[in-house]
Structures are given as structure tokens and as C-alpha cells.
């Protein structure tokens, strides 16, 4: 592997305003970003911004946990 190749990934539990702002900055440097959100609609909206989203809320545990992390 070339030392200049990057395969970095950020996973945020509770992907909100701060995580989104931080992700926008590091995605410019080839990072892949993912996180959790409570609502299906919000997950869909954030997913449209090139972020892997996973729904997780009270009574709705994280699905595909190994894949997510």
C-alpha cells in the first residue's frame, strides 16, 4: 500500500450538526463518513449527502452493527 493512500473512516454515534460540519471538512480529504440518527427520514436525507447512515433509537437497536463499525 502506498503511504499516501488513505482509507480513513469516521463513525459518529448521534450524527447531528457538529458531526455533519466536521464530516464536510474531512470528506474533502478522502474520508468516508458514517453515523447514527433516530429517524428514518433524517437518515435518508443525510444519506443523500454521501454519508452512510444507520438508524438507532430507543426500541430500535443498531442494525448491522458489525457492518456499520
Protein backbone atom coordinates (compact mmCIF):
# COMPACT_ATOMS: atom_id res chain seq x y z
CA UNK A 1 0.00 0.00 0.00
CA UNK A 2 1.22 3.43 -0.92
CA UNK A 3 1.77 5.58 2.21
CA UNK A 4 -0.14 8.42 0.57
CA UNK A 5 -3.26 6.23 0.09
CA UNK A 6 -5.99 6.99 2.59
CA UNK A 7 -8.69 4.67 3.78
CA UNK A 8 -9.97 6.62 6.76
CA UNK A 9 -13.49 6.31 8.13
CA UNK A 10 -15.31 8.34 10.77
CA UNK A 11 -18.32 6.86 12.59
CA UNK A 12 -20.40 9.19 14.78
CA UNK A 13 -22.99 7.99 17.25
CA UNK A 14 -25.63 10.72 17.07
CA UNK A 15 -24.87 12.33 13.73
CA UNK A 16 -26.01 15.90 14.30
CA UNK A 17 -24.95 19.44 13.44
CA UNK A 18 -21.38 19.23 14.74
CA UNK A 19 -20.70 15.80 13.19
CA UNK A 20 -22.09 16.98 9.85
CA UNK A 21 -19.91 20.10 9.85
CA UNK A 22 -16.81 18.10 10.79
CA UNK A 23 -17.59 15.43 8.18
CA UNK A 24 -17.91 18.02 5.42
CA UNK A 25 -14.40 19.19 6.24
CA UNK A 26 -12.72 15.80 6.36
CA UNK A 27 -14.58 14.36 3.35
CA UNK A 28 -12.57 16.83 1.28
CA UNK A 29 -9.52 14.86 2.38
CA UNK A 30 -10.95 11.49 1.19
CA UNK A 31 -12.51 10.35 4.48
CA UNK A 32 -15.63 8.18 4.42
CA UNK A 33 -18.22 9.20 6.99
CA UNK A 34 -21.00 7.29 8.71
CA UNK A 35 -23.21 7.68 11.73
CA UNK A 36 -26.47 7.05 13.51
CA UNK A 37 -29.69 9.01 13.58
CA UNK A 38 -33.06 8.40 15.22
CA UNK A 39 -35.49 8.89 12.37
CA UNK A 40 -35.71 7.10 9.06
CA UNK A 41 -36.41 10.35 7.18
CA UNK A 42 -33.33 12.05 8.63
CA UNK A 43 -31.20 9.01 7.77
CA UNK A 44 -32.45 9.24 4.20
CA UNK A 45 -31.68 12.97 3.96
CA UNK A 46 -28.16 12.58 5.34
CA UNK A 47 -27.54 9.53 3.18
CA UNK A 48 -28.11 11.73 0.14
CA UNK A 49 -25.05 13.75 1.27
CA UNK A 50 -22.67 10.83 0.82
CA UNK A 51 -22.86 9.72 4.45
CA UNK A 52 -23.59 6.11 5.43
CA UNK A 53 -26.46 6.39 7.89
CA UNK A 54 -27.75 3.79 10.34
CA UNK A 55 -30.96 4.20 12.28
CA UNK A 56 -30.66 3.74 16.04
CA UNK A 57 -33.17 4.86 18.64
CA UNK A 58 -34.85 3.71 21.83
CA UNK A 59 -36.61 0.49 20.96
CA UNK A 60 -34.78 0.34 17.62
CA UNK A 61 -31.27 -1.08 18.12
CA UNK A 62 -28.48 -0.54 15.65
CA UNK A 63 -28.95 -2.90 12.73
CA UNK A 64 -25.92 -4.45 11.02
CA UNK A 65 -23.61 -3.27 13.81
CA UNK A 66 -20.56 -5.09 12.51
CA UNK A 67 -21.08 -3.61 9.07
CA UNK A 68 -21.65 -0.14 10.48
CA UNK A 69 -18.47 -0.07 12.50
